[in-house]
């Protein structure tokens, strides 16, 4: 893969030309900034910016003013190749807080392993209704120790308004949800996105993460997507590298609380 060309394609398709990810959401261009807005439980934030040293501070102030007026905290995700070079420092000076950096990794769907090897006694259950979403949220809460109610609300919206844009699954061990993950399937894009992969502590190290990556890669390939992307935490990066994912760039969320 040509990493530079692929990064340019990703920026164009998934950031500059992004589509709303749920009912009541919008993607808006404000000068050299593209932002995603929606209800309080949706993802609100800056998807892309093409700023330089002269206009960065004014653009940052304009986004703060916009989201303050809407009453929403928001995220400005800074990718490793975004400009200006000191964008992160400018965001911190404006009152943003940095969260843990991740690595954007991409693989060709056709090159990924699609064999889903599950531990004995574990089955996959597709998430298509409210009961399935409740199990997803339960796994999220147990795996990450954070409140997954916003995730649940967004998932229910997506299933109701655009069920073909998402494919989620819960792994059940003797009927108990122990792992879950979703696959975002955006229209007019070559990239399907792996999100939300989480496994409860007592089931980690048994191959569930790898199995759910393979399951979703197989789904993406069947749906005609060329690439699969994932925002990889440090713990996931080695596994994804062994599966054939390449590092495209880094990404760090900067959050502004209102």
Protein backbone atom coordinates (compact mmCIF):
# COMPACT_ATOMS: atom_id res chain seq x y z
CA UNK A 1 0.00 0.00 0.00
CA UNK A 2 1.14 3.54 -0.77
CA UNK A 3 0.71 5.05 2.71
CA UNK A 4 0.91 8.69 1.58
CA UNK A 5 -1.70 8.23 -1.16
CA UNK A 6 -3.91 6.19 1.14
CA UNK A 7 -3.74 8.86 3.84
CA UNK A 8 -4.84 11.48 1.30
CA UNK A 9 -7.75 9.28 0.20
CA UNK A 10 -8.75 8.68 3.81
CA UNK A 11 -8.72 12.41 4.58
CA UNK A 12 -10.91 13.14 1.59
CA UNK A 13 -13.45 10.35 2.08
CA UNK A 14 -13.70 9.99 5.85
CA UNK A 15 -12.94 13.51 7.05
CA UNK A 16 -13.54 16.22 4.43
CA UNK A 17 -16.49 14.45 2.75
CA UNK A 18 -17.78 12.67 5.87
CA UNK A 19 -21.48 12.03 6.23
CA UNK A 20 -23.62 12.39 9.38
CA UNK A 21 -23.59 9.23 11.47
CA UNK A 22 -27.13 9.39 12.80
CA UNK A 23 -30.53 11.13 12.87
CA UNK A 24 -30.35 14.77 13.88
CA UNK A 25 -26.66 14.96 12.98
CA UNK A 26 -25.04 17.25 10.42
CA UNK A 27 -21.66 17.67 8.80
CA UNK A 28 -20.86 21.33 8.21
CA UNK A 29 -17.97 23.18 6.61
CA UNK A 30 -16.94 26.39 8.34
CA UNK A 31 -14.13 27.89 6.29
CA UNK A 32 -11.18 25.52 6.63
CA UNK A 33 -12.89 23.40 9.29
CA UNK A 34 -15.26 20.44 8.85
CA UNK A 35 -17.29 19.60 11.94
CA UNK A 36 -19.87 16.99 12.96
CA UNK A 37 -22.76 18.11 15.15
CA UNK A 38 -25.75 16.37 16.65
CA UNK A 39 -27.62 15.62 19.89
CA UNK A 40 -25.72 15.62 23.17
CA UNK A 41 -25.21 11.84 23.01
CA UNK A 42 -23.84 11.99 19.45
CA UNK A 43 -20.21 12.62 18.55
CA UNK A 44 -19.73 16.37 18.37
CA UNK A 45 -16.44 17.68 17.11
CA UNK A 46 -14.01 18.70 14.41
CA UNK A 47 -13.38 16.07 11.74
CA UNK A 48 -10.82 17.91 9.63
CA UNK A 49 -9.06 21.26 9.37
CA UNK A 50 -6.74 22.77 6.80
CA UNK A 51 -5.36 25.57 8.95
CA UNK A 52 -2.14 27.53 8.85
CA UNK A 53 -0.33 29.60 11.52
CA UNK A 54 -2.18 32.78 10.57
CA UNK A 55 -5.76 31.47 10.82
CA UNK A 56 -5.55 28.65 13.40
CA UNK A 57 -6.31 30.65 16.56
CA UNK A 58 -9.32 32.39 15.02
CA UNK A 59 -10.70 29.07 13.74
CA UNK A 60 -10.25 27.46 17.16
CA UNK A 61 -12.07 30.35 18.83
CA UNK A 62 -14.90 30.13 16.28
CA UNK A 63 -15.46 26.42 16.99
CA UNK A 64 -15.45 27.00 20.74
CA UNK A 65 -18.04 29.74 20.28
CA UNK A 66 -20.18 27.52 18.04
CA UNK A 67 -20.28 24.52 20.37
CA UNK A 68 -20.73 26.69 23.47
CA UNK A 69 -23.82 28.19 21.85
CA UNK A 70 -25.10 24.67 21.13
CA UNK A 71 -24.39 23.66 24.74
CA UNK A 72 -22.20 20.71 23.72
CA UNK A 73 -18.75 19.68 24.79
CA UNK A 74 -16.78 18.64 21.73
CA UNK A 75 -13.67 16.91 20.46
CA UNK A 76 -11.04 18.13 18.04
CA UNK A 77 -9.16 15.11 16.74
CA UNK A 78 -5.64 16.05 15.67
CA UNK A 79 -4.02 13.68 13.19
CA UNK A 80 -0.25 13.43 12.99
CA UNK A 81 -0.11 15.12 9.59
CA UNK A 82 -2.51 17.99 10.40
CA UNK A 83 -1.25 21.55 10.32
CA UNK A 84 -0.08 23.86 11.59
CA UNK A 85 2.73 22.00 13.35
CA UNK A 86 1.78 23.54 16.70
CA UNK A 87 -1.98 22.89 16.42
CA UNK A 88 -1.97 20.72 19.54
CA UNK A 89 -0.25 23.44 21.58
CA UNK A 90 -2.77 26.01 20.35
CA UNK A 91 -5.68 23.77 21.38
CA UNK A 92 -4.21 23.27 24.85
CA UNK A 93 -3.72 27.01 25.23
CA UNK A 94 -7.39 27.53 24.28
CA UNK A 95 -8.60 25.25 27.07
CA UNK A 96 -8.73 21.80 25.48
CA UNK A 97 -7.57 18.67 27.31
CA UNK A 98 -5.62 15.94 25.51
CA UNK A 99 -6.75 12.34 25.76
CA UNK A 100 -4.74 9.20 24.99
CA UNK A 101 -3.29 9.07 21.48
CA UNK A 102 -4.21 6.26 19.14
CA UNK A 103 -2.83 5.01 15.84
CA UNK A 104 -4.94 4.99 12.70
CA UNK A 105 -4.29 1.60 11.09
CA UNK A 106 -5.58 0.39 7.72
CA UNK A 107 -5.58 -2.92 5.86
CA UNK A 108 -6.96 -4.17 2.58
CA UNK A 109 -10.07 -6.16 3.46
CA UNK A 110 -9.21 -8.91 0.97
CA UNK A 111 -5.81 -9.44 2.62
CA UNK A 112 -7.12 -9.97 6.16
CA UNK A 113 -7.78 -13.40 7.69
CA UNK A 114 -11.50 -14.16 7.73
CA UNK A 115 -11.52 -17.38 9.77
CA UNK A 116 -13.42 -16.69 13.00
CA UNK A 117 -11.89 -18.95 15.66
CA UNK A 118 -13.98 -18.64 18.81
CA UNK A 119 -13.25 -20.17 22.21
CA UNK A 120 -15.30 -23.23 23.07
CA UNK A 121 -18.79 -22.32 24.27
CA UNK A 122 -18.77 -18.84 22.69
CA UNK A 123 -21.18 -17.83 19.92
CA UNK A 124 -21.68 -14.55 18.06
CA UNK A 125 -25.02 -12.77 18.29
CA UNK A 126 -25.83 -9.99 15.78
CA UNK A 127 -27.06 -6.74 17.30
CA UNK A 128 -30.27 -5.75 15.55
CA UNK A 129 -32.60 -4.56 18.30
CA UNK A 130 -32.80 -2.92 21.71
CA UNK A 131 -31.97 -6.14 23.56
CA UNK A 132 -28.77 -6.52 21.56
CA UNK A 133 -27.82 -2.90 22.19
CA UNK A 134 -28.31 -3.42 25.93
CA UNK A 135 -25.83 -6.32 25.80
CA UNK A 136 -23.35 -4.14 23.89
CA UNK A 137 -23.59 -1.43 26.53
CA UNK A 138 -23.17 -4.01 29.30
CA UNK A 139 -19.93 -5.25 27.72
CA UNK A 140 -18.71 -1.68 27.22
CA UNK A 141 -19.35 -0.76 30.84
CA UNK A 142 -17.58 -3.88 32.15
CA UNK A 143 -14.68 -3.80 29.67
CA UNK A 144 -13.83 -0.11 29.81
CA UNK A 145 -15.22 0.97 33.17
CA UNK A 146 -17.04 3.93 31.59
CA UNK A 147 -20.69 4.77 30.99
CA UNK A 148 -21.78 3.39 27.61
CA UNK A 149 -25.28 4.90 27.61
CA UNK A 150 -24.36 7.42 24.90
CA UNK A 151 -23.06 4.57 22.75
CA UNK A 152 -26.36 2.79 23.23
CA UNK A 153 -28.41 5.83 22.22
CA UNK A 154 -26.31 6.36 19.08
CA UNK A 155 -26.56 2.68 18.16
CA UNK A 156 -30.34 2.65 18.53
CA UNK A 157 -30.60 5.75 16.33
CA UNK A 158 -28.40 4.17 13.68
CA UNK A 159 -30.34 0.89 13.67
CA UNK A 160 -33.64 2.76 13.36
CA UNK A 161 -32.63 5.25 10.67
CA UNK A 162 -29.92 3.47 8.66
CA UNK A 163 -29.54 -0.21 9.65
CA UNK A 164 -27.36 -0.96 6.62
CA UNK A 165 -24.73 1.53 7.85
CA UNK A 166 -23.68 -0.56 10.85
CA UNK A 167 -23.07 -4.21 11.70
CA UNK A 168 -22.54 -4.98 15.38
CA UNK A 169 -22.05 -8.23 17.21
CA UNK A 170 -21.91 -9.52 20.79
CA UNK A 171 -19.97 -12.63 21.82
CA UNK A 172 -21.95 -14.75 24.28
CA UNK A 173 -20.42 -17.32 26.61
CA UNK A 174 -23.21 -19.57 27.87
CA UNK A 175 -25.62 -16.73 27.18
CA UNK A 176 -23.56 -14.07 28.99
CA UNK A 177 -22.19 -11.15 26.91
CA UNK A 178 -18.40 -11.10 27.22
CA UNK A 179 -17.22 -9.15 24.15
CA UNK A 180 -18.70 -6.84 21.54
CA UNK A 181 -17.73 -4.76 18.54
CA UNK A 182 -19.25 -2.83 15.68
CA UNK A 183 -18.46 -2.21 12.04
CA UNK A 184 -19.36 1.17 10.53
CA UNK A 185 -20.27 0.97 6.85
CA UNK A 186 -20.35 4.55 5.52
CA UNK A 187 -21.78 5.25 2.10
CA UNK A 188 -19.58 6.48 -0.74
CA UNK A 189 -16.37 5.37 0.96
CA UNK A 190 -13.71 2.73 0.41
CA UNK A 191 -13.18 2.44 4.19
CA UNK A 192 -15.21 0.41 6.66
CA UNK A 193 -14.45 1.22 10.30
CA UNK A 194 -13.84 -1.09 13.25
CA UNK A 195 -15.02 0.47 16.50
CA UNK A 196 -15.98 -0.41 20.04
CA UNK A 197 -14.06 -3.69 20.34
CA UNK A 198 -14.06 -4.57 24.02
CA UNK A 199 -13.78 -7.77 26.07
CA UNK A 200 -14.53 -8.20 29.77
CA UNK A 201 -11.41 -8.79 31.83
CA UNK A 202 -11.90 -12.48 32.61
CA UNK A 203 -12.18 -13.32 28.89
CA UNK A 204 -9.14 -11.41 27.64
CA UNK A 205 -6.25 -13.29 26.11
CA UNK A 206 -8.45 -16.01 24.59
CA UNK A 207 -8.56 -14.73 21.01
CA UNK A 208 -11.87 -12.87 21.07
CA UNK A 209 -10.41 -9.57 19.86
CA UNK A 210 -8.79 -11.25 16.87
CA UNK A 211 -11.96 -13.25 16.13
CA UNK A 212 -14.13 -10.13 16.10
CA UNK A 213 -11.67 -8.33 13.81
CA UNK A 214 -11.83 -11.26 11.38
CA UNK A 215 -15.61 -11.43 11.59
CA UNK A 216 -15.97 -7.75 10.76
CA UNK A 217 -13.32 -7.87 8.01
CA UNK A 218 -15.29 -10.68 6.36
CA UNK A 219 -18.45 -8.59 6.59
CA UNK A 220 -16.73 -5.51 5.13
CA UNK A 221 -15.37 -7.52 2.23
CA UNK A 222 -18.80 -9.01 1.51
CA UNK A 223 -20.28 -5.51 1.49
CA UNK A 224 -17.75 -4.34 -1.12
CA UNK A 225 -15.35 -2.26 1.00
CA UNK A 226 -11.73 -2.17 -0.12
CA UNK A 227 -10.17 -1.12 3.18
CA UNK A 228 -10.76 -1.65 6.88
CA UNK A 229 -9.64 1.03 9.34
CA UNK A 230 -9.27 1.02 13.10
CA UNK A 231 -8.30 3.61 15.72
CA UNK A 232 -5.85 1.40 17.57
CA UNK A 233 -4.92 1.74 21.22
CA UNK A 234 -1.36 0.73 22.18
CA UNK A 235 -2.62 -2.65 23.44
CA UNK A 236 -4.33 -3.44 20.11
CA UNK A 237 -1.59 -2.24 17.76
CA UNK A 238 0.63 -5.37 17.94
CA UNK A 239 -2.31 -7.71 17.27
CA UNK A 240 -3.48 -5.63 14.32
CA UNK A 241 0.05 -5.45 12.93
CA UNK A 242 0.30 -9.24 12.95
CA UNK A 243 -3.03 -9.44 11.12
CA UNK A 244 -1.72 -7.20 8.33
CA UNK A 245 -2.75 -3.67 9.32
CA UNK A 246 -0.37 -0.81 8.49
CA UNK A 247 0.06 2.40 10.48
CA UNK A 248 -1.33 5.39 8.58
CA UNK A 249 -0.90 8.20 11.12
CA UNK A 250 -1.42 9.05 14.78
CA UNK A 251 -4.55 10.69 16.17
CA UNK A 252 -5.06 12.47 19.47
CA UNK A 253 -8.45 13.66 20.75
CA UNK A 254 -8.53 17.12 22.34
CA UNK A 255 -11.71 17.69 24.34
CA UNK A 256 -13.31 21.01 25.22
CA UNK A 257 -15.85 20.90 28.06
CA UNK A 258 -18.68 23.42 28.11
